PDB file of N, CA and C in Angstrom:
ATOM      1  N   MET A   1       0.935 -15.117  14.045  1.00  0.00           N
ATOM      2  CA  MET A   1      -0.370 -15.353  13.491  1.00  0.00           C
ATOM      3  C   MET A   1      -0.826 -14.175  12.531  1.00  0.00           C
ATOM      4  N   PHE A   2      -1.441 -14.518  11.544  1.00  0.00           N
ATOM      5  CA  PHE A   2      -1.764 -13.374  10.425  1.00  0.00           C
ATOM      6  C   PHE A   2      -2.978 -13.877   9.696  1.00  0.00           C
ATOM      7  N   ASN A   3      -3.798 -12.971   9.507  1.00  0.00           N
ATOM      8  CA  ASN A   3      -4.952 -13.053   8.860  1.00  0.00           C
ATOM      9  C   ASN A   3      -5.352 -11.835   7.788  1.00  0.00           C
ATOM     10  N   LEU A   4      -5.783 -12.037   6.407  1.00  0.00           N
ATOM     11  CA  LEU A   4      -6.186 -10.858   5.925  1.00  0.00           C
ATOM     12  C   LEU A   4      -7.628 -11.152   5.449  1.00  0.00           C
ATOM     13  N   GLU A   5      -8.405  -9.772   6.016  1.00  0.00           N
ATOM     14  CA  GLU A   5      -9.804  -9.885   5.433  1.00  0.00           C
ATOM     15  C   GLU A   5      -9.923  -8.853   4.365  1.00  0.00           C
ATOM     16  N   ILE A   6     -10.695  -9.371   3.319  1.00  0.00           N
ATOM     17  CA  ILE A   6     -10.702  -8.304   2.182  1.00  0.00           C
ATOM     18  C   ILE A   6     -12.327  -7.884   2.028  1.00  0.00           C
ATOM     19  N   ARG A   7     -12.800  -6.912   1.898  1.00  0.00           N
ATOM     20  CA  ARG A   7     -14.076  -6.367   1.738  1.00  0.00           C
ATOM     21  C   ARG A   7     -14.002  -5.289   0.668  1.00  0.00           C
ATOM     22  N   ASP A   8     -15.163  -5.771  -0.238  1.00  0.00           N
ATOM     23  CA  ASP A   8     -15.462  -4.691  -1.587  1.00  0.00           C
ATOM     24  C   ASP A   8     -16.225  -3.666  -1.125  1.00  0.00           C
ATOM     25  N   GLU A   9     -15.906  -2.557  -1.018  1.00  0.00           N
ATOM     26  CA  GLU A   9     -16.719  -1.393  -0.661  1.00  0.00           C
ATOM     27  C   GLU A   9     -17.042  -0.517  -1.712  1.00  0.00           C
ATOM     28  N   GLY A  10     -17.427  -1.304  -2.988  1.00  0.00           N
ATOM     29  CA  GLY A  10     -17.738  -0.364  -4.240  1.00  0.00           C
ATOM     30  C   GLY A  10     -16.684   0.427  -4.810  1.00  0.00           C
ATOM     31  N   ASN A  11     -16.317   1.400  -4.205  1.00  0.00           N
ATOM     32  CA  ASN A  11     -15.179   2.262  -4.993  1.00  0.00           C
ATOM     33  C   ASN A  11     -13.666   1.923  -4.641  1.00  0.00           C
ATOM     34  N   ARG A  12     -13.588   1.043  -3.667  1.00  0.00           N
ATOM     35  CA  ARG A  12     -12.200   0.716  -3.213  1.00  0.00           C
ATOM     36  C   ARG A  12     -12.245  -0.961  -2.387  1.00  0.00           C
ATOM     37  N   LEU A  13     -11.382  -1.513  -2.343  1.00  0.00           N
ATOM     38  CA  LEU A  13     -11.261  -2.710  -1.580  1.00  0.00           C
ATOM     39  C   LEU A  13     -10.533  -2.284  -0.183  1.00  0.00           C
ATOM     40  N   ARG A  14     -11.184  -2.666   0.867  1.00  0.00           N
ATOM     41  CA  ARG A  14     -10.613  -2.532   2.276  1.00  0.00           C
ATOM     42  C   ARG A  14      -9.916  -3.923   2.491  1.00  0.00           C
ATOM     43  N   MET A  15      -8.795  -3.822   2.842  1.00  0.00           N
ATOM     44  CA  MET A  15      -8.036  -4.919   3.385  1.00  0.00           C
ATOM     45  C   MET A  15      -7.764  -4.713   4.942  1.00  0.00           C
ATOM     46  N   ILE A  16      -8.061  -5.816   5.479  1.00  0.00           N
ATOM     47  CA  ILE A  16      -7.804  -5.835   7.014  1.00  0.00           C
ATOM     48  C   ILE A  16      -6.673  -6.803   7.482  1.00  0.00           C
ATOM     49  N   PRO A  17      -5.572  -6.284   7.489  1.00  0.00           N
ATOM     50  CA  PRO A  17      -4.791  -7.650   7.862  1.00  0.00           C
ATOM     51  C   PRO A  17      -4.548  -7.378   9.533  1.00  0.00           C
ATOM     52  N   THR A  18      -4.543  -8.762  10.085  1.00  0.00           N
ATOM     53  CA  THR A  18      -4.736  -8.938  11.464  1.00  0.00           C
ATOM     54  C   THR A  18      -3.349  -9.740  12.076  1.00  0.00           C
ATOM     55  N   GLY A  19      -2.737  -9.218  12.882  1.00  0.00           N
ATOM     56  CA  GLY A  19      -1.718  -9.923  13.651  1.00  0.00           C
ATOM     57  C   GLY A  19      -0.378  -9.381  13.290  1.00  0.00           C
ATOM     58  N   GLU A  20       0.648 -10.198  12.463  1.00  0.00           N
ATOM     59  CA  GLU A  20       1.927  -9.597  12.347  1.00  0.00           C
ATOM     60  C   GLU A  20       2.198  -9.864  10.914  1.00  0.00           C
ATOM     61  N   MET A  21       2.950  -8.703  10.432  1.00  0.00           N
ATOM     62  CA  MET A  21       3.358  -8.901   8.894  1.00  0.00           C
ATOM     63  C   MET A  21       4.971  -8.930   9.329  1.00  0.00           C
ATOM     64  N   ASP A  22       5.508 -10.133   9.237  1.00  0.00           N
ATOM     65  CA  ASP A  22       6.951 -10.311   9.489  1.00  0.00           C
ATOM     66  C   ASP A  22       7.313 -11.315   8.139  1.00  0.00           C
ATOM     67  N   MET A  23       8.603 -11.877   8.384  1.00  0.00           N
ATOM     68  CA  MET A  23       8.823 -12.684   7.216  1.00  0.00           C
ATOM     69  C   MET A  23       8.291 -13.907   7.218  1.00  0.00           C
ATOM     70  N   TYR A  24       7.663 -14.260   8.100  1.00  0.00           N
ATOM     71  CA  TYR A  24       6.832 -15.500   8.309  1.00  0.00           C
ATOM     72  C   TYR A  24       5.504 -15.264   7.460  1.00  0.00           C
ATOM     73  N   TYR A  25       4.678 -14.095   7.606  1.00  0.00           N
ATOM     74  CA  TYR A  25       3.418 -13.955   7.091  1.00  0.00           C
ATOM     75  C   TYR A  25       3.255 -12.975   5.810  1.00  0.00           C
ATOM     76  N   THR A  26       4.556 -12.154   5.615  1.00  0.00           N
ATOM     77  CA  THR A  26       4.469 -11.274   4.426  1.00  0.00           C
ATOM     78  C   THR A  26       4.196 -11.946   3.109  1.00  0.00           C
ATOM     79  N   PRO A  27       4.834 -13.192   2.744  1.00  0.00           N
ATOM     80  CA  PRO A  27       4.486 -13.835   1.713  1.00  0.00           C
ATOM     81  C   PRO A  27       2.752 -14.059   1.411  1.00  0.00           C
ATOM     82  N   GLN A  28       2.228 -14.568   2.628  1.00  0.00           N
ATOM     83  CA  GLN A  28       0.926 -14.778   2.505  1.00  0.00           C
ATOM     84  C   GLN A  28      -0.004 -13.437   2.327  1.00  0.00           C
ATOM     85  N   PHE A  29       0.376 -12.294   3.119  1.00  0.00           N
ATOM     86  CA  PHE A  29      -0.381 -11.024   2.561  1.00  0.00           C
ATOM     87  C   PHE A  29       0.070 -10.651   1.202  1.00  0.00           C
ATOM     88  N   LYS A  30       1.025 -10.760   0.504  1.00  0.00           N
ATOM     89  CA  LYS A  30       1.416 -10.620  -0.700  1.00  0.00           C
ATOM     90  C   LYS A  30       0.719 -11.153  -1.700  1.00  0.00           C
ATOM     91  N   GLU A  31       0.510 -12.651  -1.534  1.00  0.00           N
ATOM     92  CA  GLU A  31      -0.214 -13.374  -2.580  1.00  0.00           C
ATOM     93  C   GLU A  31      -1.839 -13.176  -2.198  1.00  0.00           C
ATOM     94  N   GLN A  32      -2.489 -13.016  -1.073  1.00  0.00           N
ATOM     95  CA  GLN A  32      -3.641 -12.895  -0.985  1.00  0.00           C
ATOM     96  C   GLN A  32      -4.019 -11.223  -1.556  1.00  0.00           C
ATOM     97  N   ALA A  33      -3.348 -10.478  -1.246  1.00  0.00           N
ATOM     98  CA  ALA A  33      -3.719  -8.973  -1.438  1.00  0.00           C
ATOM     99  C   ALA A  33      -3.630  -8.840  -3.159  1.00  0.00           C
ATOM    100  N   VAL A  34      -2.557  -9.458  -3.725  1.00  0.00           N
ATOM    101  CA  VAL A  34      -2.332  -9.083  -5.126  1.00  0.00           C
ATOM    102  C   VAL A  34      -3.607  -9.990  -5.978  1.00  0.00           C
ATOM    103  N   LYS A  35      -3.945 -11.151  -5.237  1.00  0.00           N
ATOM    104  CA  LYS A  35      -4.962 -11.851  -5.944  1.00  0.00           C
ATOM    105  C   LYS A  35      -6.377 -11.102  -5.793  1.00  0.00           C
ATOM    106  N   ALA A  36      -6.660 -10.641  -4.603  1.00  0.00           N
ATOM    107  CA  ALA A  36      -7.790  -9.780  -4.619  1.00  0.00           C
ATOM    108  C   ALA A  36      -7.914  -8.678  -5.439  1.00  0.00           C
ATOM    109  N   TYR A  37      -6.841  -7.803  -5.356  1.00  0.00           N
ATOM    110  CA  TYR A  37      -6.372  -6.840  -6.546  1.00  0.00           C
ATOM    111  C   TYR A  37      -6.836  -7.202  -7.757  1.00  0.00           C
ATOM    112  N   THR A  38      -5.976  -8.202  -8.099  1.00  0.00           N
ATOM    113  CA  THR A  38      -5.915  -8.865  -9.489  1.00  0.00           C
ATOM    114  C   THR A  38      -7.509  -9.196 -10.248  1.00  0.00           C
ATOM    115  N   GLU A  39      -8.379  -9.522  -9.120  1.00  0.00           N
ATOM    116  CA  GLU A  39      -9.513  -9.840  -9.539  1.00  0.00           C
ATOM    117  C   GLU A  39     -10.651  -8.887  -9.353  1.00  0.00           C
ATOM    118  N   ASN A  40     -10.329  -7.804  -8.976  1.00  0.00           N
ATOM    119  CA  ASN A  40     -11.135  -6.488  -8.648  1.00  0.00           C
ATOM    120  C   ASN A  40     -10.210  -5.314  -8.648  1.00  0.00           C
ATOM    121  N   LYS A  41      -9.910  -4.664  -9.796  1.00  0.00           N
ATOM    122  CA  LYS A  41      -8.972  -3.820  -9.735  1.00  0.00           C
ATOM    123  C   LYS A  41      -9.499  -2.227  -9.362  1.00  0.00           C
ATOM    124  N   LYS A  42      -9.127  -2.059  -8.222  1.00  0.00           N
ATOM    125  CA  LYS A  42      -9.575  -0.651  -7.743  1.00  0.00           C
ATOM    126  C   LYS A  42      -8.738  -0.143  -6.632  1.00  0.00           C
ATOM    127  N   ASP A  43      -8.990   1.106  -6.061  1.00  0.00           N
ATOM    128  CA  ASP A  43      -8.035   1.793  -4.948  1.00  0.00           C
ATOM    129  C   ASP A  43      -8.409   0.886  -3.760  1.00  0.00           C
ATOM    130  N   ILE A  44      -7.041   0.934  -3.046  1.00  0.00           N
ATOM    131  CA  ILE A  44      -7.075  -0.060  -1.824  1.00  0.00           C
ATOM    132  C   ILE A  44      -6.906   0.885  -0.710  1.00  0.00           C
ATOM    133  N   LEU A  45      -7.696   0.391   0.437  1.00  0.00           N
ATOM    134  CA  LEU A  45      -7.478   1.292   1.801  1.00  0.00           C
ATOM    135  C   LEU A  45      -7.045  -0.183   2.810  1.00  0.00           C
ATOM    136  N   ILE A  46      -5.740  -0.170   3.047  1.00  0.00           N
ATOM    137  CA  ILE A  46      -5.457  -0.957   4.307  1.00  0.00           C
ATOM    138  C   ILE A  46      -5.962  -0.387   5.571  1.00  0.00           C
ATOM    139  N   ASP A  47      -6.634  -1.382   6.497  1.00  0.00           N
ATOM    140  CA  ASP A  47      -7.277  -0.840   7.680  1.00  0.00           C
ATOM    141  C   ASP A  47      -6.292  -1.518   8.689  1.00  0.00           C
ATOM    142  N   GLY A  48      -5.283  -0.761   9.349  1.00  0.00           N
ATOM    143  CA  GLY A  48      -4.238  -1.543  10.210  1.00  0.00           C
ATOM    144  C   GLY A  48      -4.855  -1.475  11.752  1.00  0.00           C
ATOM    145  N   ALA A  49      -6.046  -1.246  11.845  1.00  0.00           N
ATOM    146  CA  ALA A  49      -6.545  -1.230  13.078  1.00  0.00           C
ATOM    147  C   ALA A  49      -6.019  -2.638  14.000  1.00  0.00           C
ATOM    148  N   ASP A  50      -6.067  -3.861  13.368  1.00  0.00           N
ATOM    149  CA  ASP A  50      -5.787  -5.088  13.982  1.00  0.00           C
ATOM    150  C   ASP A  50      -4.334  -5.600  13.797  1.00  0.00           C
ATOM    151  N   LEU A  51      -3.686  -4.698  13.180  1.00  0.00           N
ATOM    152  CA  LEU A  51      -2.073  -5.007  12.783  1.00  0.00           C
ATOM    153  C   LEU A  51      -1.275  -4.539  13.900  1.00  0.00           C
ATOM    154  N   GLU A  52      -0.801  -5.795  14.607  1.00  0.00           N
ATOM    155  CA  GLU A  52       0.156  -5.572  15.758  1.00  0.00           C
ATOM    156  C   GLU A  52       1.363  -5.247  15.649  1.00  0.00           C
ATOM    157  N   TYR A  53       2.210  -5.749  14.537  1.00  0.00           N
ATOM    158  CA  TYR A  53       3.555  -5.661  14.393  1.00  0.00           C
ATOM    159  C   TYR A  53       3.997  -5.542  12.915  1.00  0.00           C
ATOM    160  N   VAL A  54       4.826  -4.768  12.516  1.00  0.00           N
ATOM    161  CA  VAL A  54       5.476  -4.895  10.989  1.00  0.00           C
ATOM    162  C   VAL A  54       6.843  -4.730  11.031  1.00  0.00           C
ATOM    163  N   ASP A  55       7.404  -5.704  10.384  1.00  0.00           N
ATOM    164  CA  ASP A  55       8.961  -5.554  10.249  1.00  0.00           C
ATOM    165  C   ASP A  55       9.211  -5.150   8.821  1.00  0.00           C
ATOM    166  N   SER A  56      10.804  -4.983   8.523  1.00  0.00           N
ATOM    167  CA  SER A  56      11.103  -4.569   7.395  1.00  0.00           C
ATOM    168  C   SER A  56      10.446  -5.448   6.207  1.00  0.00           C
ATOM    169  N   THR A  57      10.483  -6.576   6.260  1.00  0.00           N
ATOM    170  CA  THR A  57       9.681  -7.487   5.409  1.00  0.00           C
ATOM    171  C   THR A  57       8.205  -7.102   5.013  1.00  0.00           C
ATOM    172  N   GLY A  58       7.908  -6.777   6.168  1.00  0.00           N
ATOM    173  CA  GLY A  58       6.267  -6.606   6.166  1.00  0.00           C
ATOM    174  C   GLY A  58       6.204  -5.157   5.199  1.00  0.00           C
ATOM    175  N   LEU A  59       7.124  -4.060   5.371  1.00  0.00           N
ATOM    176  CA  LEU A  59       7.004  -3.090   4.654  1.00  0.00           C
ATOM    177  C   LEU A  59       7.263  -3.149   3.439  1.00  0.00           C
ATOM    178  N   GLY A  60       8.052  -4.353   3.226  1.00  0.00           N
ATOM    179  CA  GLY A  60       8.360  -4.677   1.689  1.00  0.00           C
ATOM    180  C   GLY A  60       7.067  -5.007   1.141  1.00  0.00           C
ATOM    181  N   GLY A  61       6.282  -5.760   1.710  1.00  0.00           N
ATOM    182  CA  GLY A  61       5.029  -6.393   1.289  1.00  0.00           C
ATOM    183  C   GLY A  61       4.259  -5.277   0.905  1.00  0.00           C
ATOM    184  N   PHE A  62       3.896  -4.141   1.629  1.00  0.00           N
ATOM    185  CA  PHE A  62       3.069  -3.155   1.304  1.00  0.00           C
ATOM    186  C   PHE A  62       3.610  -2.342   0.009  1.00  0.00           C
ATOM    187  N   MET A  63       5.084  -2.074  -0.142  1.00  0.00           N
ATOM    188  CA  MET A  63       5.690  -1.651  -1.179  1.00  0.00           C
ATOM    189  C   MET A  63       5.483  -2.462  -2.545  1.00  0.00           C
ATOM    190  N   TYR A  64       5.425  -3.817  -2.516  1.00  0.00           N
ATOM    191  CA  TYR A  64       5.101  -4.793  -3.678  1.00  0.00           C
ATOM    192  C   TYR A  64       3.710  -4.680  -3.971  1.00  0.00           C
ATOM    193  N   LEU A  65       2.830  -4.620  -3.219  1.00  0.00           N
ATOM    194  CA  LEU A  65       1.574  -4.261  -3.441  1.00  0.00           C
ATOM    195  C   LEU A  65       0.976  -3.107  -4.126  1.00  0.00           C
ATOM    196  N   LEU A  66       2.143  -1.686  -3.577  1.00  0.00           N
ATOM    197  CA  LEU A  66       1.855  -0.445  -4.132  1.00  0.00           C
ATOM    198  C   LEU A  66       2.471  -0.574  -5.546  1.00  0.00           C
ATOM    199  N   ASN A  67       3.386  -0.924  -5.787  1.00  0.00           N
ATOM    200  CA  ASN A  67       3.988  -1.364  -7.098  1.00  0.00           C
ATOM    201  C   ASN A  67       3.017  -1.944  -8.051  1.00  0.00           C
ATOM    202  N   VAL A  68       2.294  -2.977  -7.895  1.00  0.00           N
ATOM    203  CA  VAL A  68       1.327  -3.653  -8.416  1.00  0.00           C
ATOM    204  C   VAL A  68       0.037  -2.761  -8.615  1.00  0.00           C
ATOM    205  N   VAL A  69      -0.156  -2.074  -7.805  1.00  0.00           N
ATOM    206  CA  VAL A  69      -1.475  -1.095  -7.668  1.00  0.00           C
ATOM    207  C   VAL A  69      -1.148  -0.031  -8.909  1.00  0.00           C
ATOM    208  N   LYS A  70       0.008   0.683  -8.513  1.00  0.00           N
ATOM    209  CA  LYS A  70       0.175   1.802  -9.277  1.00  0.00           C
ATOM    210  C   LYS A  70       0.504   1.700 -10.603  1.00  0.00           C
ATOM    211  N   GLU A  71       0.938   0.298 -11.138  1.00  0.00           N
ATOM    212  CA  GLU A  71       1.010   0.017 -12.280  1.00  0.00           C
ATOM    213  C   GLU A  71      -0.389   0.235 -13.187  1.00  0.00           C
ATOM    214  N   GLN A  72      -1.371  -0.004 -12.451  1.00  0.00           N
ATOM    215  CA  GLN A  72      -2.738  -0.070 -13.028  1.00  0.00           C
ATOM    216  C   GLN A  72      -3.562   1.489 -12.762  1.00  0.00           C
ATOM    217  N   GLY A  73      -2.738   2.259 -12.300  1.00  0.00           N
ATOM    218  CA  GLY A  73      -3.282   3.529 -11.951  1.00  0.00           C
ATOM    219  C   GLY A  73      -4.009   3.638 -10.761  1.00  0.00           C
ATOM    220  N   HIS A  74      -3.996   3.044  -9.973  1.00  0.00           N
ATOM    221  CA  HIS A  74      -4.728   2.993  -8.715  1.00  0.00           C
ATOM    222  C   HIS A  74      -3.821   3.396  -7.495  1.00  0.00           C
ATOM    223  N   GLU A  75      -4.437   3.497  -6.179  1.00  0.00           N
ATOM    224  CA  GLU A  75      -3.664   4.201  -4.973  1.00  0.00           C
ATOM    225  C   GLU A  75      -3.803   3.281  -3.806  1.00  0.00           C
ATOM    226  N   ILE A  76      -3.259   3.400  -3.134  1.00  0.00           N
ATOM    227  CA  ILE A  76      -3.388   2.212  -1.668  1.00  0.00           C
ATOM    228  C   ILE A  76      -3.208   3.866  -0.476  1.00  0.00           C
ATOM    229  N   ALA A  77      -4.388   3.688   0.195  1.00  0.00           N
ATOM    230  CA  ALA A  77      -4.331   4.497   1.450  1.00  0.00           C
ATOM    231  C   ALA A  77      -4.113   3.518   2.654  1.00  0.00           C
ATOM    232  N   ILE A  78      -3.749   4.200   3.924  1.00  0.00           N
ATOM    233  CA  ILE A  78      -3.353   3.254   4.929  1.00  0.00           C
ATOM    234  C   ILE A  78      -4.145   3.824   6.283  1.00  0.00           C
ATOM    235  N   SER A  79      -4.909   3.025   7.184  1.00  0.00           N
ATOM    236  CA  SER A  79      -5.886   3.962   8.330  1.00  0.00           C
ATOM    237  C   SER A  79      -5.406   3.260   9.386  1.00  0.00           C
ATOM    238  N   ASN A  80      -5.552   4.198  10.645  1.00  0.00           N
ATOM    239  CA  ASN A  80      -5.803   3.421  11.774  1.00  0.00           C
ATOM    240  C   ASN A  80      -4.483   2.494  12.298  1.00  0.00           C
ATOM    241  N   LEU A  81      -3.373   2.913  12.014  1.00  0.00           N
ATOM    242  CA  LEU A  81      -2.220   2.267  12.369  1.00  0.00           C
ATOM    243  C   LEU A  81      -1.500   2.546  13.745  1.00  0.00           C
ATOM    244  N   ASP A  82      -1.240   1.450  14.552  1.00  0.00           N
ATOM    245  CA  ASP A  82      -0.907   1.565  15.791  1.00  0.00           C
ATOM    246  C   ASP A  82       0.435   2.525  15.985  1.00  0.00           C
ATOM    247  N   PRO A  83       0.217   3.390  16.963  1.00  0.00           N
ATOM    248  CA  PRO A  83       1.542   4.482  16.923  1.00  0.00           C
ATOM    249  C   PRO A  83       2.833   3.660  16.783  1.00  0.00           C
ATOM    250  N   ASN A  84       3.239   2.524  17.183  1.00  0.00           N
ATOM    251  CA  ASN A  84       4.765   1.963  16.753  1.00  0.00           C
ATOM    252  C   ASN A  84       4.618   1.835  15.277  1.00  0.00           C
ATOM    253  N   VAL A  85       3.905   1.329  14.726  1.00  0.00           N
ATOM    254  CA  VAL A  85       3.555   0.891  13.145  1.00  0.00           C
ATOM    255  C   VAL A  85       3.683   2.178  12.568  1.00  0.00           C
ATOM    256  N   LYS A  86       3.117   3.353  12.866  1.00  0.00           N
ATOM    257  CA  LYS A  86       3.264   4.488  12.056  1.00  0.00           C
ATOM    258  C   LYS A  86       4.678   5.149  12.272  1.00  0.00           C
ATOM    259  N   LYS A  87       5.337   5.050  13.305  1.00  0.00           N
ATOM    260  CA  LYS A  87       6.607   5.426  13.528  1.00  0.00           C
ATOM    261  C   LYS A  87       7.280   5.010  12.829  1.00  0.00           C
ATOM    262  N   LEU A  88       7.392   3.498  12.210  1.00  0.00           N
ATOM    263  CA  LEU A  88       7.954   2.754  11.396  1.00  0.00           C
ATOM    264  C   LEU A  88       7.971   3.373   9.761  1.00  0.00           C
ATOM    265  N   PHE A  89       6.596   3.538   9.672  1.00  0.00           N
ATOM    266  CA  PHE A  89       6.447   4.227   8.413  1.00  0.00           C
ATOM    267  C   PHE A  89       7.196   5.612   8.283  1.00  0.00           C
ATOM    268  N   THR A  90       7.003   6.344   9.378  1.00  0.00           N
ATOM    269  CA  THR A  90       7.636   7.710   9.697  1.00  0.00           C
ATOM    270  C   THR A  90       9.004   7.723   9.241  1.00  0.00           C
ATOM    271  N   ILE A  91       9.701   6.720  10.062  1.00  0.00           N
ATOM    272  CA  ILE A  91      11.176   6.703  10.132  1.00  0.00           C
ATOM    273  C   ILE A  91      11.656   6.338   8.559  1.00  0.00           C
ATOM    274  N   THR A  92      10.978   5.542   8.068  1.00  0.00           N
ATOM    275  CA  THR A  92      11.525   4.814   6.602  1.00  0.00           C
ATOM    276  C   THR A  92      11.132   5.918   5.638  1.00  0.00           C
ATOM    277  N   LYS A  93      10.229   6.989   5.993  1.00  0.00           N
ATOM    278  CA  LYS A  93       9.668   7.962   4.815  1.00  0.00           C
ATOM    279  C   LYS A  93       8.718   7.114   3.955  1.00  0.00           C
ATOM    280  N   LEU A  94       8.242   6.132   4.216  1.00  0.00           N
ATOM    281  CA  LEU A  94       7.044   5.606   3.757  1.00  0.00           C
ATOM    282  C   LEU A  94       5.734   6.283   3.751  1.00  0.00           C
ATOM    283  N   ASP A  95       5.667   6.845   4.918  1.00  0.00           N
ATOM    284  CA  ASP A  95       4.536   8.265   5.015  1.00  0.00           C
ATOM    285  C   ASP A  95       4.361   8.931   3.888  1.00  0.00           C
ATOM    286  N   LYS A  96       5.406   9.376   3.125  1.00  0.00           N
ATOM    287  CA  LYS A  96       5.632  10.148   2.031  1.00  0.00           C
ATOM    288  C   LYS A  96       5.012   9.456   0.714  1.00  0.00           C
ATOM    289  N   ILE A  97       5.171   8.128   0.715  1.00  0.00           N
ATOM    290  CA  ILE A  97       4.793   7.383  -0.424  1.00  0.00           C
ATOM    291  C   ILE A  97       3.352   6.726  -0.459  1.00  0.00           C
ATOM    292  N   PHE A  98       2.689   6.550   0.823  1.00  0.00           N
ATOM    293  CA  PHE A  98       1.396   6.019   1.145  1.00  0.00           C
ATOM    294  C   PHE A  98       0.652   7.300   1.792  1.00  0.00           C
ATOM    295  N   THR A  99      -0.791   7.244   1.346  1.00  0.00           N
ATOM    296  CA  THR A  99      -1.632   8.140   2.040  1.00  0.00           C
ATOM    297  C   THR A  99      -1.774   7.487   3.455  1.00  0.00           C
ATOM    298  N   ILE A 100      -1.390   8.273   4.496  1.00  0.00           N
ATOM    299  CA  ILE A 100      -1.862   7.565   5.693  1.00  0.00           C
ATOM    300  C   ILE A 100      -3.050   8.483   6.220  1.00  0.00           C
ATOM    301  N   GLU A 101      -3.888   7.648   6.778  1.00  0.00           N
ATOM    302  CA  GLU A 101      -5.230   8.349   7.085  1.00  0.00           C
ATOM    303  C   GLU A 101      -5.397   8.090   8.527  1.00  0.00           C
ATOM    304  N   GLY A 102      -5.900   8.833   9.344  1.00  0.00           N
ATOM    305  CA  GLY A 102      -6.322   8.733  10.610  1.00  0.00           C
ATOM    306  C   GLY A 102      -5.537   8.099  11.701  1.00  0.00           C
ATOM    307  N   ASP A 103      -5.914   7.824  13.234  1.00  0.00           N
ATOM    308  CA  ASP A 103      -4.947   7.132  14.044  1.00  0.00           C
ATOM    309  C   ASP A 103      -5.584   6.030  14.730  1.00  0.00           C
ATOM    310  N   ALA A 104      -4.955   5.211  15.254  1.00  0.00           N
ATOM    311  CA  ALA A 104      -5.766   3.977  15.997  1.00  0.00           C
ATOM    312  C   ALA A 104      -6.246   4.574  17.354  1.00  0.00           C
TER     313      ALA A 104
END
């Protein structure tokens, strides 16, 4: 199961994915996240507090969104990652591409 809540915080969009980002739910994430960004172009914070699982497809979804956002001169930060999800970002060196804030 997956859900994406989006909040406009004035200077940035907070995206709160809940559940799993895998091959089944990543297309939904990409569609909703890009739509929200296109409608309101600003920096993004992905709050991973409720993100239970991410696979390689999910990482690809984050990269896809990052490419869209960077083209417009904005940034993405990710916060509150579960230790296992954070480890995936570290192993794949995506922690060097995304700004990782705080711990779950």
